[in-house]
Each structure stands twice: as C-alpha cells, then as structure tokens.
C-alpha cells in the first residue's frame, strides 16, 4: 500500500495493482478470507475485495481481485461505510455496502464498471476479516 500512495494519481503503474491480489492471497493463507453472504457480519477494519473494476494487465478485460475498499464503520442495520480509490473518478471515495440488502439504494452506493452502475455487493468477491492479534507470530 505504501508504494501506491507515493505515486501521483495519474501515474500509477499497473504493476502496483498486483498488490491487491497479493494481499488477498496472503489473507487467504492466514484463513482470513470469507465469501460474501447475507449471514456475514461486516466489521470495522474489514477489507473488501472487488472484481471487474480495473483492467490491471492491459488486455482490455476487467480483472478479478483488482480493487479493494477498507471498512471504517458499520451502523446498527449492518450498513458499512468503506473507502476506496478510483484514480479516474476523483481519487479516494466513500461508499456504503449492506450484505442483507444488496440491491437497495438506501443501504448501498453505486460503483461504475464499464459505464454501468453496480451495487458493491454485486461485484464483491470476498471479505478479508483481519484480526491483527490473531495474526501475531504467524508470518
């Protein structure tokens, strides 16, 4: 993540996006990845892994595990506020996601993919459940 933030927004190297997939692989090895469902409770600090938001390898196809969001808060109805960065859409943005109401405008904000709008839950690939204390000493 440090490498990403040091780059000016207009000059991010495609190779820097490989970090999203590497973070997913690391958390998966630590058994910290959950598949999205209405039974999953989102928590502050969770990492959302999205599919199909970026063409990371330049083949003109949108790729899996190409985008992440960080949950900063969750309200009593289970709606999570997350932050993510889309360089072509003004940089860091705030979004909302609710897995119990995945297609409700009230609980979710749209993400634009290939000139179409999707609710975050529609393109959510997995959730990184990170408990830093449980990871201590495991790597």
N, C-alpha and C. Protein backbone atom coordinates (compact mmCIF):
# COMPACT_ATOMS: atom_id res chain seq x y z
N UNK A 1 0.83 -1.19 0.00
CA UNK A 1 0.00 0.00 0.00
C UNK A 1 0.87 1.26 0.00
N UNK A 2 1.99 1.22 0.64
CA UNK A 2 2.86 2.39 0.69
C UNK A 2 3.25 2.84 -0.71
N UNK A 3 3.60 1.87 -1.58
CA UNK A 3 4.00 2.17 -2.95
C UNK A 3 2.89 2.90 -3.69
N UNK A 4 1.66 2.43 -3.51
CA UNK A 4 0.52 3.03 -4.18
C UNK A 4 0.37 4.50 -3.83
N UNK A 5 0.43 4.84 -2.56
CA UNK A 5 0.19 6.21 -2.14
C UNK A 5 1.34 7.16 -2.49
N UNK A 6 2.52 6.64 -2.76
CA UNK A 6 3.65 7.50 -3.13
C UNK A 6 3.56 7.95 -4.59
N UNK A 7 2.74 7.26 -5.38
CA UNK A 7 2.64 7.58 -6.79
C UNK A 7 1.60 8.68 -7.03
N UNK A 8 1.89 9.65 -7.91
CA UNK A 8 0.85 10.61 -8.28
C UNK A 8 -0.32 9.85 -8.92
N UNK A 9 -1.55 10.30 -8.69
CA UNK A 9 -2.72 9.55 -9.16
C UNK A 9 -2.69 9.27 -10.65
N UNK A 10 -2.20 10.16 -11.47
CA UNK A 10 -2.20 9.93 -12.90
C UNK A 10 -1.11 9.01 -13.39
N UNK A 11 -0.17 8.61 -12.54
CA UNK A 11 0.98 7.84 -12.98
C UNK A 11 1.14 6.53 -12.22
N UNK A 12 0.06 5.90 -11.84
CA UNK A 12 0.15 4.64 -11.10
C UNK A 12 0.48 3.52 -12.09
N UNK A 13 1.53 2.79 -11.79
CA UNK A 13 1.96 1.69 -12.64
C UNK A 13 0.99 0.52 -12.47
N UNK A 14 0.65 -0.16 -13.56
CA UNK A 14 -0.25 -1.31 -13.47
C UNK A 14 0.29 -2.36 -12.51
N UNK A 15 1.59 -2.48 -12.40
CA UNK A 15 2.17 -3.48 -11.51
C UNK A 15 1.79 -3.24 -10.06
N UNK A 16 1.50 -1.99 -9.69
CA UNK A 16 1.14 -1.69 -8.30
C UNK A 16 -0.18 -2.34 -7.92
N UNK A 17 -1.08 -2.59 -8.89
CA UNK A 17 -2.37 -3.21 -8.59
C UNK A 17 -2.23 -4.69 -8.27
N UNK A 18 -1.13 -5.31 -8.61
CA UNK A 18 -0.92 -6.70 -8.25
C UNK A 18 -0.92 -6.86 -6.73
N UNK A 19 -0.68 -5.78 -6.03
CA UNK A 19 -0.70 -5.81 -4.57
C UNK A 19 -2.05 -6.21 -4.01
N UNK A 20 -3.13 -5.88 -4.71
CA UNK A 20 -4.47 -6.26 -4.27
C UNK A 20 -4.58 -7.78 -4.24
N UNK A 21 -4.17 -8.42 -5.31
CA UNK A 21 -4.24 -9.88 -5.37
C UNK A 21 -3.27 -10.51 -4.38
N UNK A 22 -2.09 -9.94 -4.22
CA UNK A 22 -1.13 -10.48 -3.25
C UNK A 22 -1.66 -10.36 -1.83
N UNK A 23 -2.34 -9.26 -1.51
CA UNK A 23 -2.95 -9.11 -0.19
C UNK A 23 -4.03 -10.17 0.00
N UNK A 24 -4.85 -10.39 -1.02
CA UNK A 24 -5.87 -11.44 -0.95
C UNK A 24 -5.22 -12.81 -0.69
N UNK A 25 -4.17 -13.13 -1.44
CA UNK A 25 -3.50 -14.43 -1.28
C UNK A 25 -2.92 -14.59 0.12
N UNK A 26 -2.31 -13.52 0.64
CA UNK A 26 -1.75 -13.57 1.99
C UNK A 26 -2.84 -13.84 3.02
N UNK A 27 -3.94 -13.09 2.95
CA UNK A 27 -5.03 -13.28 3.92
C UNK A 27 -5.68 -14.64 3.77
N UNK A 28 -5.75 -15.14 2.55
CA UNK A 28 -6.30 -16.47 2.32
C UNK A 28 -5.43 -17.54 2.98
N UNK A 29 -4.11 -17.39 2.87
CA UNK A 29 -3.19 -18.34 3.53
C UNK A 29 -3.35 -18.29 5.05
N UNK A 30 -3.73 -17.15 5.59
CA UNK A 30 -3.93 -16.99 7.03
C UNK A 30 -5.36 -17.34 7.47
N UNK A 31 -6.16 -17.89 6.53
CA UNK A 31 -7.56 -18.24 6.78
C UNK A 31 -8.40 -17.04 7.23
N UNK A 32 -8.15 -15.90 6.62
CA UNK A 32 -8.85 -14.67 6.97
C UNK A 32 -9.80 -14.19 5.87
N UNK A 33 -10.08 -15.03 4.89
CA UNK A 33 -10.96 -14.64 3.78
C UNK A 33 -12.33 -15.31 3.96
N UNK A 34 -13.37 -14.52 3.78
CA UNK A 34 -14.75 -15.03 3.86
C UNK A 34 -15.45 -14.74 2.54
N UNK A 35 -16.34 -15.63 2.16
CA UNK A 35 -17.16 -15.44 0.96
C UNK A 35 -18.37 -14.60 1.36
N UNK A 36 -18.69 -13.57 0.59
CA UNK A 36 -19.82 -12.70 0.95
C UNK A 36 -21.16 -13.45 0.96
N UNK A 37 -21.95 -13.19 1.98
CA UNK A 37 -23.32 -13.70 2.06
C UNK A 37 -24.08 -12.82 3.04
N UNK A 38 -25.39 -12.96 3.07
CA UNK A 38 -26.19 -12.14 3.98
C UNK A 38 -25.95 -12.52 5.44
N UNK A 39 -25.34 -13.68 5.70
CA UNK A 39 -25.05 -14.10 7.06
C UNK A 39 -23.74 -13.52 7.61
N UNK A 40 -22.91 -12.98 6.74
CA UNK A 40 -21.62 -12.42 7.16
C UNK A 40 -21.85 -11.05 7.80
N UNK A 41 -21.25 -10.84 8.93
CA UNK A 41 -21.31 -9.54 9.58
C UNK A 41 -20.07 -8.76 9.20
N UNK A 42 -20.28 -7.58 8.66
CA UNK A 42 -19.15 -6.71 8.31
C UNK A 42 -18.71 -5.96 9.56
N UNK A 43 -17.40 -5.77 9.68
CA UNK A 43 -16.84 -5.09 10.84
C UNK A 43 -15.86 -4.01 10.42
N UNK A 44 -15.70 -3.03 11.28
CA UNK A 44 -14.69 -2.00 11.06
C UNK A 44 -13.33 -2.68 10.91
N UNK A 45 -12.58 -2.28 9.89
CA UNK A 45 -11.27 -2.87 9.63
C UNK A 45 -11.27 -3.96 8.58
N UNK A 46 -12.45 -4.47 8.21
CA UNK A 46 -12.51 -5.49 7.16
C UNK A 46 -12.07 -4.89 5.83
N UNK A 47 -11.56 -5.76 4.97
CA UNK A 47 -11.12 -5.35 3.63
C UNK A 47 -12.05 -5.99 2.62
N UNK A 48 -12.61 -5.18 1.74
CA UNK A 48 -13.50 -5.67 0.69
C UNK A 48 -12.69 -5.85 -0.59
N UNK A 49 -12.76 -7.02 -1.18
CA UNK A 49 -12.08 -7.31 -2.44
C UNK A 49 -13.12 -7.35 -3.55
N UNK A 50 -12.95 -6.48 -4.54
CA UNK A 50 -13.91 -6.37 -5.64
C UNK A 50 -13.33 -6.94 -6.93
N UNK A 51 -14.22 -7.44 -7.77
CA UNK A 51 -13.89 -7.90 -9.12
C UNK A 51 -14.30 -6.86 -10.15
N UNK A 52 -13.63 -6.88 -11.28
CA UNK A 52 -14.06 -6.22 -12.50
C UNK A 52 -14.12 -4.69 -12.47
N UNK A 53 -13.36 -4.05 -11.62
CA UNK A 53 -13.33 -2.59 -11.62
C UNK A 53 -12.18 -2.03 -12.43
N UNK A 54 -11.15 -2.83 -12.66
CA UNK A 54 -9.97 -2.34 -13.36
C UNK A 54 -9.44 -3.38 -14.34
N UNK A 55 -8.79 -2.89 -15.39
CA UNK A 55 -8.03 -3.75 -16.29
C UNK A 55 -6.58 -3.63 -15.85
N UNK A 56 -6.15 -4.53 -14.99
CA UNK A 56 -4.82 -4.38 -14.39
C UNK A 56 -3.68 -4.85 -15.28
N UNK A 57 -3.97 -5.70 -16.26
CA UNK A 57 -2.88 -6.23 -17.08
C UNK A 57 -2.90 -5.72 -18.52
N UNK A 58 -3.79 -4.80 -18.83
CA UNK A 58 -3.79 -4.17 -20.14
C UNK A 58 -4.37 -5.00 -21.27
N UNK A 59 -5.15 -6.05 -20.95
CA UNK A 59 -5.71 -6.90 -22.01
C UNK A 59 -7.12 -6.47 -22.42
N UNK A 60 -7.56 -5.31 -21.96
CA UNK A 60 -8.88 -4.74 -22.28
C UNK A 60 -10.04 -5.57 -21.71
N UNK A 61 -9.77 -6.33 -20.65
CA UNK A 61 -10.80 -7.07 -19.91
C UNK A 61 -10.65 -6.68 -18.44
N UNK A 62 -11.76 -6.49 -17.78
CA UNK A 62 -11.71 -6.14 -16.37
C UNK A 62 -11.40 -7.39 -15.55
N UNK A 63 -10.52 -7.26 -14.57
CA UNK A 63 -9.93 -8.40 -13.90
C UNK A 63 -10.54 -8.67 -12.52
N UNK A 64 -10.35 -9.92 -12.08
CA UNK A 64 -10.77 -10.30 -10.73
C UNK A 64 -9.76 -9.76 -9.72
N UNK A 65 -10.22 -9.55 -8.51
CA UNK A 65 -9.39 -9.05 -7.41
C UNK A 65 -8.54 -7.85 -7.85
N UNK A 66 -9.21 -6.87 -8.42
CA UNK A 66 -8.50 -5.71 -8.94
C UNK A 66 -8.74 -4.44 -8.13
N UNK A 67 -9.52 -4.55 -7.06
CA UNK A 67 -9.90 -3.33 -6.33
C UNK A 67 -10.23 -3.69 -4.89
N UNK A 68 -9.88 -2.80 -3.95
CA UNK A 68 -10.21 -3.04 -2.55
C UNK A 68 -10.85 -1.81 -1.93
N UNK A 69 -11.58 -2.05 -0.86
CA UNK A 69 -12.14 -0.99 -0.03
C UNK A 69 -11.89 -1.35 1.42
N UNK A 70 -11.73 -0.33 2.26
CA UNK A 70 -11.49 -0.54 3.69
C UNK A 70 -12.69 -0.05 4.48
N UNK A 71 -13.27 -0.92 5.29
CA UNK A 71 -14.43 -0.55 6.09
C UNK A 71 -13.98 0.27 7.29
N UNK A 72 -14.62 1.43 7.46
CA UNK A 72 -14.27 2.32 8.57
C UNK A 72 -15.33 2.36 9.66
N UNK A 73 -16.56 1.99 9.32
CA UNK A 73 -17.61 1.95 10.34
C UNK A 73 -18.77 1.10 9.85
N UNK A 74 -19.55 0.60 10.80
CA UNK A 74 -20.74 -0.19 10.49
C UNK A 74 -21.85 0.28 11.42
N UNK A 75 -23.03 0.57 10.85
CA UNK A 75 -24.14 1.03 11.70
C UNK A 75 -24.96 -0.15 12.22
N UNK A 76 -26.00 0.15 13.00
CA UNK A 76 -26.79 -0.89 13.65
C UNK A 76 -27.59 -1.74 12.66
N UNK A 77 -27.81 -1.26 11.45
CA UNK A 77 -28.51 -2.04 10.43
C UNK A 77 -27.57 -2.89 9.58
N UNK A 78 -26.28 -2.81 9.86
CA UNK A 78 -25.30 -3.60 9.13
C UNK A 78 -24.74 -2.92 7.89
N UNK A 79 -25.06 -1.64 7.71
CA UNK A 79 -24.52 -0.90 6.56
C UNK A 79 -23.11 -0.43 6.90
N UNK A 80 -22.17 -0.84 6.07
CA UNK A 80 -20.77 -0.49 6.30
C UNK A 80 -20.37 0.69 5.42
N UNK A 81 -19.64 1.62 5.99
CA UNK A 81 -19.02 2.70 5.24
C UNK A 81 -17.61 2.24 4.90
N UNK A 82 -17.25 2.36 3.62
CA UNK A 82 -15.90 1.97 3.20
C UNK A 82 -15.31 3.06 2.32
N UNK A 83 -13.98 3.06 2.25
CA UNK A 83 -13.26 3.99 1.39
C UNK A 83 -12.48 3.18 0.36
N UNK A 84 -12.45 3.70 -0.85
CA UNK A 84 -11.72 3.06 -1.94
C UNK A 84 -11.22 4.16 -2.87
N UNK A 85 -10.30 3.82 -3.75
CA UNK A 85 -9.70 4.81 -4.63
C UNK A 85 -9.86 4.39 -6.08
N UNK A 86 -10.49 5.26 -6.86
CA UNK A 86 -10.58 5.08 -8.30
C UNK A 86 -9.94 6.30 -8.94
N UNK A 87 -8.77 6.12 -9.49
CA UNK A 87 -7.99 7.26 -9.99
C UNK A 87 -8.70 8.04 -11.08
N UNK A 88 -9.55 7.39 -11.88
CA UNK A 88 -10.24 8.08 -12.96
C UNK A 88 -11.54 8.74 -12.52
N UNK A 89 -11.89 8.59 -11.26
CA UNK A 89 -13.15 9.13 -10.76
C UNK A 89 -12.92 10.02 -9.54
N UNK A 90 -11.82 10.73 -9.50
CA UNK A 90 -11.61 11.71 -8.44
C UNK A 90 -10.84 11.23 -7.23
N UNK A 91 -10.21 10.08 -7.30
CA UNK A 91 -9.38 9.63 -6.19
C UNK A 91 -10.17 8.88 -5.13
N UNK A 92 -9.86 9.15 -3.87
CA UNK A 92 -10.47 8.41 -2.76
C UNK A 92 -11.94 8.79 -2.63
N UNK A 93 -12.78 7.75 -2.54
CA UNK A 93 -14.22 7.94 -2.44
C UNK A 93 -14.79 7.14 -1.28
N UNK A 94 -15.91 7.62 -0.77
CA UNK A 94 -16.62 6.95 0.30
C UNK A 94 -17.79 6.18 -0.31
N UNK A 95 -18.01 4.96 0.17
CA UNK A 95 -19.12 4.16 -0.32
C UNK A 95 -19.84 3.48 0.84
N UNK A 96 -20.99 2.90 0.52
CA UNK A 96 -21.76 2.14 1.51
C UNK A 96 -22.09 0.78 0.92
N UNK A 97 -22.11 -0.25 1.79
CA UNK A 97 -22.49 -1.60 1.38
C UNK A 97 -23.25 -2.25 2.52
N UNK A 98 -24.30 -2.98 2.16
CA UNK A 98 -25.05 -3.76 3.14
C UNK A 98 -25.35 -5.11 2.50
N UNK A 99 -24.82 -6.18 3.10
CA UNK A 99 -24.99 -7.52 2.53
C UNK A 99 -26.39 -8.09 2.75
N UNK A 100 -27.13 -7.55 3.72
CA UNK A 100 -28.51 -8.02 3.95
C UNK A 100 -29.47 -7.42 2.93
N UNK A 101 -29.14 -6.24 2.43
CA UNK A 101 -29.96 -5.54 1.42
C UNK A 101 -29.05 -5.17 0.24
N UNK A 102 -28.56 -6.15 -0.51
CA UNK A 102 -27.52 -5.89 -1.51
C UNK A 102 -27.94 -5.05 -2.71
N UNK A 103 -29.24 -4.90 -2.96
CA UNK A 103 -29.68 -4.14 -4.14
C UNK A 103 -30.55 -2.95 -3.75
N UNK A 104 -30.37 -2.45 -2.55
CA UNK A 104 -31.16 -1.31 -2.08
C UNK A 104 -30.34 -0.03 -2.17
N UNK A 105 -30.90 0.99 -2.84
CA UNK A 105 -30.23 2.29 -2.94
C UNK A 105 -30.08 2.96 -1.58
N UNK A 106 -30.97 2.63 -0.67
CA UNK A 106 -30.92 3.22 0.67
C UNK A 106 -29.67 2.78 1.44
N UNK A 107 -29.26 1.53 1.24
CA UNK A 107 -28.16 0.96 2.02
C UNK A 107 -26.84 0.86 1.25
N UNK A 108 -26.85 1.10 -0.04
CA UNK A 108 -25.66 0.89 -0.87
C UNK A 108 -25.45 2.06 -1.82
N UNK A 109 -24.19 2.31 -2.15
CA UNK A 109 -23.87 3.29 -3.19
C UNK A 109 -23.46 2.53 -4.45
N UNK A 110 -23.60 3.17 -5.58
CA UNK A 110 -23.23 2.54 -6.84
C UNK A 110 -21.73 2.63 -7.08
N UNK A 111 -21.20 1.61 -7.76
CA UNK A 111 -19.85 1.65 -8.32
C UNK A 111 -20.01 1.51 -9.82
N UNK A 112 -19.24 2.28 -10.56
CA UNK A 112 -19.35 2.27 -12.02
C UNK A 112 -18.33 1.29 -12.60
N UNK A 113 -18.82 0.37 -13.41
CA UNK A 113 -17.98 -0.63 -14.06
C UNK A 113 -18.34 -0.66 -15.53
N UNK A 114 -17.38 -0.37 -16.39
CA UNK A 114 -17.60 -0.39 -17.84
C UNK A 114 -18.87 0.38 -18.21
N UNK A 115 -18.99 1.59 -17.70
CA UNK A 115 -20.10 2.50 -17.98
C UNK A 115 -21.45 1.99 -17.49
N UNK A 116 -21.46 1.02 -16.59
CA UNK A 116 -22.69 0.55 -15.97
C UNK A 116 -22.55 0.70 -14.46
N UNK A 117 -23.68 0.90 -13.79
CA UNK A 117 -23.66 1.03 -12.34
C UNK A 117 -24.02 -0.30 -11.69
N UNK A 118 -23.25 -0.64 -10.66
CA UNK A 118 -23.50 -1.86 -9.88
C UNK A 118 -23.49 -1.50 -8.40
N UNK A 119 -24.27 -2.24 -7.65
CA UNK A 119 -24.17 -2.13 -6.20
C UNK A 119 -22.90 -2.88 -5.78
N UNK A 120 -22.24 -2.42 -4.72
CA UNK A 120 -20.99 -3.08 -4.31
C UNK A 120 -21.12 -4.58 -4.10
N UNK A 121 -22.23 -5.04 -3.53
CA UNK A 121 -22.38 -6.48 -3.27
C UNK A 121 -22.42 -7.30 -4.55
N UNK A 122 -22.79 -6.69 -5.67
CA UNK A 122 -22.86 -7.42 -6.94
C UNK A 122 -21.48 -7.76 -7.49
N UNK A 123 -20.46 -7.00 -7.15
CA UNK A 123 -19.11 -7.26 -7.66
C UNK A 123 -18.12 -7.58 -6.53
N UNK A 124 -18.65 -7.79 -5.32
CA UNK A 124 -17.80 -8.14 -4.19
C UNK A 124 -17.36 -9.59 -4.31
N UNK A 125 -16.06 -9.81 -4.33
CA UNK A 125 -15.52 -11.16 -4.50
C UNK A 125 -15.32 -11.86 -3.16
N UNK A 126 -14.77 -11.15 -2.19
CA UNK A 126 -14.52 -11.75 -0.88
C UNK A 126 -14.25 -10.64 0.14
N UNK A 127 -14.21 -11.07 1.40
CA UNK A 127 -14.01 -10.14 2.51
C UNK A 127 -12.82 -10.62 3.32
N UNK A 128 -11.88 -9.72 3.56
CA UNK A 128 -10.75 -10.02 4.43
C UNK A 128 -11.12 -9.66 5.86
N UNK A 129 -11.22 -10.68 6.72
CA UNK A 129 -11.53 -10.46 8.13
C UNK A 129 -10.19 -10.44 8.87
N UNK A 130 -9.73 -9.26 9.18
CA UNK A 130 -8.38 -9.11 9.73
C UNK A 130 -8.45 -8.82 11.22
N UNK A 131 -7.94 -9.77 11.99
CA UNK A 131 -7.77 -9.59 13.43
C UNK A 131 -6.26 -9.63 13.66
N UNK A 132 -5.67 -8.45 13.81
CA UNK A 132 -4.21 -8.37 13.89
C UNK A 132 -3.64 -9.17 15.05
N UNK A 133 -4.36 -9.26 16.16
CA UNK A 133 -3.85 -10.03 17.29
C UNK A 133 -3.76 -11.51 16.96
N UNK A 134 -4.72 -12.03 16.19
CA UNK A 134 -4.68 -13.46 15.84
C UNK A 134 -3.58 -13.75 14.82
N UNK A 135 -3.14 -12.74 14.06
CA UNK A 135 -2.08 -12.96 13.07
C UNK A 135 -0.68 -12.87 13.65
N UNK A 136 -0.58 -12.34 14.89
CA UNK A 136 0.74 -12.16 15.50
C UNK A 136 1.49 -13.48 15.57
N UNK A 137 2.72 -13.47 15.07
CA UNK A 137 3.58 -14.65 15.11
C UNK A 137 3.31 -15.69 14.03
N UNK A 138 2.38 -15.43 13.10
CA UNK A 138 2.03 -16.42 12.09
C UNK A 138 2.79 -16.21 10.79
N UNK A 139 3.58 -15.16 10.67
CA UNK A 139 4.35 -14.94 9.44
C UNK A 139 5.67 -14.34 9.78
